[in-house]
């Protein structure tokens, strides 16, 4: 990715690496580590490359095996 204007607030989107981030997919929940992401410096909106979103889809649908599996606690209020 390269710097560009945010489509929501016209801030500047800058490249970062997120150490860990969770994604909701239609099939399930996936956590990726060390992912490249564009983050708006004003509103914080995230922009993902197609490669990242494809990996989320592959892991959620079982097309790719995860590096490991973790248990995620779920509760209600």
C-alpha atoms as a PDB file:
ATOM      1  CA  UNK A   1       0.000   0.000   0.000  1.00  0.00           C
ATOM      2  CA  UNK A   2       1.031   3.598  -0.310  1.00  0.00           C
ATOM      3  CA  UNK A   3      -0.236   6.776   1.330  1.00  0.00           C
ATOM      4  CA  UNK A   4      -3.587   7.996   0.045  1.00  0.00           C
ATOM      5  CA  UNK A   5      -6.622   9.978   1.239  1.00  0.00           C
ATOM      6  CA  UNK A   6      -9.194   8.320   3.482  1.00  0.00           C
ATOM      7  CA  UNK A   7     -12.519   7.861   1.725  1.00  0.00           C
ATOM      8  CA  UNK A   8     -14.416   8.786   4.917  1.00  0.00           C
ATOM      9  CA  UNK A   9     -12.673  11.860   6.349  1.00  0.00           C
ATOM     10  CA  UNK A  10      -9.942  12.900   3.872  1.00  0.00           C
ATOM     11  CA  UNK A  11      -7.221  12.094   6.423  1.00  0.00           C
ATOM     12  CA  UNK A  12      -4.015  10.407   5.255  1.00  0.00           C
ATOM     13  CA  UNK A  13      -3.915   6.593   5.204  1.00  0.00           C
ATOM     14  CA  UNK A  14      -0.479   5.338   6.264  1.00  0.00           C
ATOM     15  CA  UNK A  15       1.016   1.841   6.150  1.00  0.00           C
ATOM     16  CA  UNK A  16       1.340  -0.050   9.425  1.00  0.00           C
ATOM     17  CA  UNK A  17       1.799  -3.613  10.613  1.00  0.00           C
ATOM     18  CA  UNK A  18      -0.778  -4.813  13.135  1.00  0.00           C
ATOM     19  CA  UNK A  19       0.642  -7.414  15.509  1.00  0.00           C
ATOM     20  CA  UNK A  20      -2.760  -9.130  15.857  1.00  0.00           C
ATOM     21  CA  UNK A  21      -6.244  -8.467  14.485  1.00  0.00           C
ATOM     22  CA  UNK A  22      -9.543 -10.365  14.472  1.00  0.00           C
ATOM     23  CA  UNK A  23     -11.812 -10.604  11.431  1.00  0.00           C
ATOM     24  CA  UNK A  24     -15.476 -11.602  11.328  1.00  0.00           C
ATOM     25  CA  UNK A  25     -16.206 -13.746   8.268  1.00  0.00           C
ATOM     26  CA  UNK A  26     -19.589 -15.116   7.163  1.00  0.00           C
ATOM     27  CA  UNK A  27     -18.322 -18.586   8.137  1.00  0.00           C
ATOM     28  CA  UNK A  28     -16.492 -17.721  11.360  1.00  0.00           C
ATOM     29  CA  UNK A  29     -13.904 -15.669  13.198  1.00  0.00           C
ATOM     30  CA  UNK A  30     -10.238 -15.505  12.132  1.00  0.00           C
ATOM     31  CA  UNK A  31      -7.225 -13.923  13.824  1.00  0.00           C
ATOM     32  CA  UNK A  32      -4.242 -12.869  11.713  1.00  0.00           C
ATOM     33  CA  UNK A  33      -0.882 -11.772  13.069  1.00  0.00           C
ATOM     34  CA  UNK A  34       1.639  -9.279  11.668  1.00  0.00           C
ATOM     35  CA  UNK A  35      -0.639  -8.037   8.909  1.00  0.00           C
ATOM     36  CA  UNK A  36      -0.005  -5.050   6.657  1.00  0.00           C
ATOM     37  CA  UNK A  37      -2.792  -2.506   6.890  1.00  0.00           C
ATOM     38  CA  UNK A  38      -3.447   1.090   5.914  1.00  0.00           C
ATOM     39  CA  UNK A  39      -4.708   3.176   8.858  1.00  0.00           C
ATOM     40  CA  UNK A  40      -6.211   6.657   8.559  1.00  0.00           C
ATOM     41  CA  UNK A  41      -4.344   9.117  10.778  1.00  0.00           C
ATOM     42  CA  UNK A  42      -7.574  11.015  11.573  1.00  0.00           C
ATOM     43  CA  UNK A  43     -10.484   8.557  11.888  1.00  0.00           C
ATOM     44  CA  UNK A  44      -8.563   5.280  12.281  1.00  0.00           C
ATOM     45  CA  UNK A  45     -10.354   3.449   9.449  1.00  0.00           C
ATOM     46  CA  UNK A  46      -8.470   0.337   8.287  1.00  0.00           C
ATOM     47  CA  UNK A  47      -7.723  -0.554   4.654  1.00  0.00           C
ATOM     48  CA  UNK A  48      -6.687  -4.130   3.768  1.00  0.00           C
ATOM     49  CA  UNK A  49      -5.022  -5.482   0.630  1.00  0.00           C
ATOM     50  CA  UNK A  50      -6.827  -8.231  -1.269  1.00  0.00           C
ATOM     51  CA  UNK A  51      -4.097 -10.687  -0.186  1.00  0.00           C
ATOM     52  CA  UNK A  52      -5.038 -10.179   3.477  1.00  0.00           C
ATOM     53  CA  UNK A  53      -8.764 -10.611   2.839  1.00  0.00           C
ATOM     54  CA  UNK A  54      -8.122 -13.703   0.725  1.00  0.00           C
ATOM     55  CA  UNK A  55      -6.136 -15.240   3.599  1.00  0.00           C
ATOM     56  CA  UNK A  56      -9.045 -14.522   5.978  1.00  0.00           C
ATOM     57  CA  UNK A  57     -11.414 -16.290   3.564  1.00  0.00           C
ATOM     58  CA  UNK A  58      -9.067 -19.269   3.121  1.00  0.00           C
ATOM     59  CA  UNK A  59      -8.683 -19.765   6.870  1.00  0.00           C
ATOM     60  CA  UNK A  60     -12.387 -19.286   7.635  1.00  0.00           C
ATOM     61  CA  UNK A  61     -13.527 -21.744   4.962  1.00  0.00           C
ATOM     62  CA  UNK A  62     -10.870 -24.385   5.666  1.00  0.00           C
ATOM     63  CA  UNK A  63      -9.067 -23.933   2.342  1.00  0.00           C
ATOM     64  CA  UNK A  64      -5.886 -23.230   4.331  1.00  0.00           C
ATOM     65  CA  UNK A  65      -4.817 -24.726   7.651  1.00  0.00           C
ATOM     66  CA  UNK A  66      -4.167 -22.280  10.497  1.00  0.00           C
ATOM     67  CA  UNK A  67      -0.752 -21.978  12.137  1.00  0.00           C
ATOM     68  CA  UNK A  68      -2.525 -22.757  15.418  1.00  0.00           C
ATOM     69  CA  UNK A  69      -6.002 -22.650  16.936  1.00  0.00           C
ATOM     70  CA  UNK A  70      -6.940 -20.662  20.046  1.00  0.00           C
ATOM     71  CA  UNK A  71     -10.027 -20.820  22.248  1.00  0.00           C
ATOM     72  CA  UNK A  72     -11.994 -17.559  22.350  1.00  0.00           C
ATOM     73  CA  UNK A  73     -14.270 -16.984  25.366  1.00  0.00           C
ATOM     74  CA  UNK A  74     -17.815 -15.872  24.530  1.00  0.00           C
ATOM     75  CA  UNK A  75     -20.255 -14.315  26.981  1.00  0.00           C
ATOM     76  CA  UNK A  76     -23.395 -12.218  27.096  1.00  0.00           C
ATOM     77  CA  UNK A  77     -24.586  -9.307  29.189  1.00  0.00           C
END
